[in-house]
Amino acid sequence: MFADGFFYSAHAQCAPTDKIYIDPRLVPKRGNMTPEQLKAIILSPGIPPEARNSLLGQYMQKGQPIVVPYGTGTVLVHPTNPCIQQYIP
């Protein structure tokens, strides 16, 4: 359903006052890796250096907003609450 030009998902648990640009169900999720899991993966001998660097980068970004392209700008989505969104032109 549309209201005030913004998309509101019928299934999302967002407040009616939230400005929703991207359906919260479609926002890419970040992995929820513990420090112990990261350490075990990083120290595994069979993991290539590129994969180690990628996993470390993903772990370091877990608290940062998720950036989703939208129209001519981007939408920043809160990493733990996809109902919190901000459009950046």
Protein backbone atom coordinates (compact mmCIF):
# COMPACT_ATOMS: atom_id res chain seq x y z
CA MET A 1 0.00 0.00 0.00
CA PHE A 2 1.20 3.54 -0.64
CA ALA A 3 0.78 6.47 1.72
CA ASP A 4 2.27 9.94 1.34
CA GLY A 5 4.42 8.73 -1.56
CA PHE A 6 6.31 6.20 0.56
CA PHE A 7 5.96 2.43 0.47
CA TYR A 8 4.58 0.82 3.61
CA SER A 9 4.74 -2.95 3.77
CA ALA A 10 1.69 -4.66 5.15
CA HIS A 11 3.89 -7.29 6.80
CA ALA A 12 6.62 -5.09 8.31
CA GLN A 13 6.47 -4.11 11.96
CA CYS A 14 7.24 -0.47 11.28
CA ALA A 15 5.52 2.50 12.86
CA PRO A 16 3.09 4.40 10.62
CA THR A 17 5.31 7.49 10.99
CA ASP A 18 8.45 5.71 9.64
CA LYS A 19 9.57 6.88 6.20
CA ILE A 20 10.03 3.59 4.36
CA TYR A 21 11.88 3.76 1.04
CA ILE A 22 12.96 0.10 0.80
CA ASP A 23 10.69 -2.73 1.94
CA PRO A 24 12.34 -3.88 5.20
CA ARG A 25 11.97 -7.52 4.14
CA LEU A 26 14.17 -6.82 1.08
CA VAL A 27 17.04 -5.08 2.87
CA PRO A 28 20.17 -7.25 2.68
CA LYS A 29 21.07 -8.75 6.05
CA ARG A 30 24.52 -8.69 7.57
CA GLY A 31 26.05 -11.78 9.10
CA ASN A 32 25.86 -12.05 12.87
CA MET A 33 29.29 -13.50 13.60
CA THR A 34 30.69 -13.61 17.13
CA PRO A 35 34.34 -12.71 17.80
CA GLU A 36 35.02 -16.37 18.61
CA GLN A 37 33.57 -17.52 15.28
CA LEU A 38 35.62 -14.92 13.42
CA LYS A 39 38.80 -16.00 15.20
CA ALA A 40 38.17 -19.67 14.39
CA ILE A 41 37.59 -18.88 10.71
CA ILE A 42 40.56 -16.53 10.42
CA LEU A 43 42.91 -19.07 12.04
CA SER A 44 41.77 -21.94 9.81
CA PRO A 45 44.70 -22.99 7.62
CA GLY A 46 42.60 -23.70 4.50
CA ILE A 47 41.14 -20.20 4.17
CA PRO A 48 42.73 -18.07 1.40
CA PRO A 49 44.00 -14.60 2.44
CA GLU A 50 41.37 -12.87 0.25
CA ALA A 51 38.56 -14.69 2.08
CA ARG A 52 40.10 -13.82 5.46
CA ASN A 53 40.28 -10.15 4.53
CA SER A 54 36.70 -10.20 3.24
CA LEU A 55 35.36 -11.81 6.44
CA LEU A 56 37.30 -9.38 8.61
CA GLY A 57 35.93 -6.45 6.61
CA GLN A 58 32.37 -7.76 6.95
CA TYR A 59 32.83 -8.19 10.70
CA MET A 60 34.20 -4.65 11.08
CA GLN A 61 31.21 -3.22 9.12
CA LYS A 62 28.49 -5.00 11.13
CA GLY A 63 27.47 -1.90 13.11
CA GLN A 64 27.51 0.44 10.10
CA PRO A 65 24.37 1.39 8.12
CA ILE A 66 23.47 -0.78 5.15
CA VAL A 67 23.73 1.24 1.93
CA VAL A 68 21.07 0.46 -0.69
CA PRO A 69 20.95 2.27 -4.07
CA TYR A 70 17.59 3.97 -4.59
CA GLY A 71 16.64 6.12 -7.55
CA THR A 72 19.29 8.78 -8.04
CA GLY A 73 20.61 8.44 -4.48
CA THR A 74 21.03 5.90 -1.74
CA VAL A 75 19.12 4.83 1.33
CA LEU A 76 20.95 4.22 4.59
CA VAL A 77 19.27 1.46 6.59
CA HIS A 78 19.93 0.83 10.27
CA PRO A 79 21.82 -2.50 10.61
CA THR A 80 19.49 -3.96 13.26
CA ASN A 81 16.19 -2.17 12.55
CA PRO A 82 15.34 -1.98 8.83
CA CYS A 83 12.42 0.36 9.60
CA ILE A 84 14.93 3.15 10.29
CA GLN A 85 15.86 4.51 6.87
CA GLN A 86 17.36 7.74 5.57
CA TYR A 87 17.41 8.84 1.93
CA ILE A 88 20.60 10.54 0.73
CA PRO A 89 20.22 12.26 -2.68
